[in-house]
Amino acid sequence: MKEASKKRGLNPIDVLVIIVVIAAVAFGAYKLVNRSRQGSVAGTPITFTVLCSGVEPDVYESLKDLLPSQLMASGEMVSGKVTAVTASPHTPGVLSSGTGLPITVEKEGLLDLTFTIEGEVRNLITNELGKQEIRIGKTYTVKTVDVELERGVILDFQRGEAGE
């Protein structure tokens, strides 16, 4: 019995398992380092405006002092910020029953807010900022660390040069 334990050494299967474990650790380390490098690569700067209609004046008064404000999505910070907001009286369009022509009626007390948002996108095909695609005419939720307004509409979109 003592002879059997003395002869025991590294057999070929043990060597193979050690090699596979070392390779897996090296691959994991490579992926981790590569991911952190991708995070520091500069994206393409974008600027867009979002119109949020029918907002209470108190909301506007509260949020204008909080700018610039970092964007958020799903509880995480996004590479963008709200840089400006302007307000105008809320004016929904209504059709006249007599002529069929549109008339504008100003609803008292509510405001239409136009937000200017700047950020960076990494994929120029989807133009995603966080989890939302940036396209003119698309609905957009303005969500920052302090404010969340739903059902906004993207009015304008400008793309800069990568690395600016």
Protein backbone atom coordinates (compact mmCIF):
# COMPACT_ATOMS: atom_id res chain seq x y z
CA MET A 1 0.00 0.00 0.00
CA LYS A 2 2.87 2.38 0.74
CA GLU A 3 4.32 1.65 -2.69
CA ALA A 4 1.06 2.68 -4.43
CA SER A 5 1.02 6.07 -2.71
CA LYS A 6 4.69 6.71 -3.54
CA LYS A 7 4.13 6.08 -7.26
CA ARG A 8 1.26 8.53 -7.36
CA GLY A 9 2.27 11.72 -9.20
CA LEU A 10 0.73 13.93 -11.88
CA ASN A 11 -1.01 11.83 -14.44
CA PRO A 12 -1.91 13.15 -17.93
CA ILE A 13 -5.53 13.89 -16.97
CA ASP A 14 -4.41 16.08 -14.04
CA VAL A 15 -2.08 18.01 -16.34
CA LEU A 16 -4.90 18.51 -18.87
CA VAL A 17 -7.28 19.83 -16.17
CA ILE A 18 -4.62 22.28 -14.93
CA ILE A 19 -4.05 23.57 -18.47
CA VAL A 20 -7.80 24.05 -19.04
CA VAL A 21 -8.20 25.94 -15.74
CA ILE A 22 -5.25 28.23 -16.55
CA ALA A 23 -6.65 28.88 -20.04
CA ALA A 24 -10.11 29.71 -18.61
CA VAL A 25 -8.63 32.16 -16.08
CA ALA A 26 -6.52 33.83 -18.80
CA PHE A 27 -9.54 34.12 -21.11
CA GLY A 28 -11.66 35.67 -18.32
CA ALA A 29 -8.92 38.18 -17.50
CA TYR A 30 -8.59 39.10 -21.20
CA LYS A 31 -12.35 39.69 -21.50
CA LEU A 32 -12.40 41.80 -18.33
CA VAL A 33 -9.52 44.00 -19.51
CA ASN A 34 -10.99 44.29 -23.02
CA ARG A 35 -14.41 45.31 -21.65
CA SER A 36 -12.93 48.10 -19.53
CA ARG A 37 -11.04 49.41 -22.56
CA GLN A 38 -14.25 49.49 -24.60
CA GLY A 39 -15.91 51.53 -21.86
CA SER A 40 -13.29 54.26 -22.20
CA VAL A 41 -13.53 54.51 -26.00
CA ALA A 42 -15.07 57.83 -26.97
CA GLY A 43 -18.53 57.63 -28.50
CA THR A 44 -20.17 59.96 -30.99
CA PRO A 45 -21.62 63.14 -29.42
CA ILE A 46 -25.29 63.88 -30.03
CA THR A 47 -27.60 66.76 -29.18
CA PHE A 48 -31.36 66.50 -29.41
CA THR A 49 -34.48 68.29 -28.22
CA VAL A 50 -37.53 66.72 -26.62
CA LEU A 51 -40.98 68.32 -26.28
CA CYS A 52 -43.03 67.33 -23.23
CA SER A 53 -46.57 68.72 -23.42
CA GLY A 54 -49.03 69.61 -20.69
CA VAL A 55 -46.65 69.93 -17.73
CA GLU A 56 -47.61 71.62 -14.48
CA PRO A 57 -45.83 74.97 -13.92
CA ASP A 58 -44.59 73.83 -10.49
CA VAL A 59 -42.68 70.98 -12.14
CA TYR A 60 -40.97 73.43 -14.48
CA GLU A 61 -40.06 75.80 -11.63
CA SER A 62 -38.56 72.91 -9.65
CA LEU A 63 -36.56 71.33 -12.44
CA LYS A 64 -35.04 74.41 -14.09
CA ASP A 65 -32.85 74.96 -11.03
CA LEU A 66 -31.56 71.37 -11.19
CA LEU A 67 -29.84 71.70 -14.57
CA PRO A 68 -27.57 70.35 -15.88
CA SER A 69 -28.89 66.97 -14.75
CA GLN A 70 -27.45 63.50 -15.43
CA LEU A 71 -29.63 61.09 -17.45
CA MET A 72 -30.61 57.71 -16.03
CA ALA A 73 -32.06 54.46 -17.36
CA SER A 74 -32.97 51.35 -15.37
CA GLY A 75 -31.37 52.72 -12.23
CA GLU A 76 -27.99 53.40 -13.88
CA MET A 77 -26.35 56.61 -15.06
CA VAL A 78 -26.31 57.18 -18.82
CA SER A 79 -23.67 59.06 -20.83
CA GLY A 80 -25.83 62.13 -21.30
CA LYS A 81 -27.34 65.09 -19.51
CA VAL A 82 -30.17 67.57 -19.80
CA THR A 83 -28.45 70.90 -20.42
CA ALA A 84 -31.40 73.28 -20.87
CA VAL A 85 -35.17 73.57 -20.68
CA THR A 86 -37.53 76.22 -22.03
CA ALA A 87 -41.25 76.64 -21.36
CA SER A 88 -44.13 77.90 -23.47
CA PRO A 89 -47.90 77.90 -22.84
CA HIS A 90 -49.51 74.54 -23.58
CA THR A 91 -51.39 74.85 -26.85
CA PRO A 92 -53.14 71.67 -27.98
CA GLY A 93 -54.59 71.72 -31.49
CA VAL A 94 -58.38 71.35 -31.74
CA LEU A 95 -60.52 70.99 -34.88
CA SER A 96 -63.37 73.43 -35.33
CA SER A 97 -66.62 71.50 -35.81
CA GLY A 98 -67.96 74.13 -38.22
CA THR A 99 -65.11 74.54 -40.71
CA GLY A 100 -62.93 71.51 -40.08
CA LEU A 101 -59.91 73.80 -39.90
CA PRO A 102 -57.50 73.50 -37.00
CA ILE A 103 -57.66 76.19 -34.37
CA THR A 104 -55.32 76.61 -31.45
CA VAL A 105 -56.69 76.79 -27.94
CA GLU A 106 -54.41 77.69 -25.09
CA LYS A 107 -55.13 75.57 -22.03
CA GLU A 108 -54.66 77.68 -18.95
CA GLY A 109 -52.04 76.76 -16.43
CA LEU A 110 -50.11 74.02 -18.25
CA LEU A 111 -46.77 74.36 -20.07
CA ASP A 112 -45.00 72.71 -22.97
CA LEU A 113 -41.37 72.08 -22.03
CA THR A 114 -38.57 71.71 -24.57
CA PHE A 115 -35.49 69.95 -23.23
CA THR A 116 -32.02 70.13 -24.79
CA ILE A 117 -30.13 66.90 -24.15
CA GLU A 118 -26.48 66.12 -24.91
CA GLY A 119 -24.89 62.71 -24.77
CA GLU A 120 -22.74 60.08 -26.46
CA VAL A 121 -23.88 57.08 -28.48
CA ARG A 122 -21.61 54.13 -29.23
CA ASN A 123 -23.75 52.50 -31.94
CA LEU A 124 -24.63 54.79 -34.86
CA ILE A 125 -27.20 52.36 -36.22
CA THR A 126 -29.44 52.17 -33.16
CA ASN A 127 -28.50 55.59 -31.68
CA GLU A 128 -29.25 54.26 -28.21
CA LEU A 129 -28.70 56.50 -25.23
CA GLY A 130 -29.25 54.19 -22.30
CA LYS A 131 -32.09 51.93 -23.37
CA GLN A 132 -33.89 54.47 -25.59
CA GLU A 133 -33.32 54.95 -29.31
CA ILE A 134 -32.85 58.54 -30.43
CA ARG A 135 -34.87 59.25 -33.59
CA ILE A 136 -36.86 62.33 -34.64
CA GLY A 137 -40.56 61.78 -33.96
CA LYS A 138 -39.99 58.95 -31.47
CA THR A 139 -41.43 59.15 -27.97
CA TYR A 140 -38.83 59.69 -25.27
CA THR A 141 -38.94 59.64 -21.48
CA VAL A 142 -36.81 62.42 -20.00
CA LYS A 143 -35.40 60.70 -16.92
CA THR A 144 -32.67 62.20 -14.80
CA VAL A 145 -31.57 61.69 -11.21
CA ASP A 146 -34.16 64.32 -10.17
CA VAL A 147 -36.91 64.37 -12.84
CA GLU A 148 -38.97 61.96 -14.94
CA LEU A 149 -41.37 63.12 -17.64
CA GLU A 150 -42.96 60.58 -19.95
CA ARG A 151 -44.45 60.86 -23.44
CA GLY A 152 -42.00 63.42 -24.75
CA VAL A 153 -41.39 63.59 -28.50
CA ILE A 154 -37.96 64.03 -30.08
CA LEU A 155 -38.12 67.16 -32.27
CA ASP A 156 -34.53 67.57 -33.43
CA PHE A 157 -31.39 65.44 -33.56
CA GLN A 158 -27.79 66.46 -34.36
CA ARG A 159 -24.81 64.10 -34.48
CA GLY A 160 -21.24 65.33 -34.01
CA GLU A 161 -17.98 63.70 -35.05
CA ALA A 162 -16.63 60.75 -33.06
CA GLY A 163 -13.95 61.72 -30.56
CA GLU A 164 -14.99 65.41 -30.31
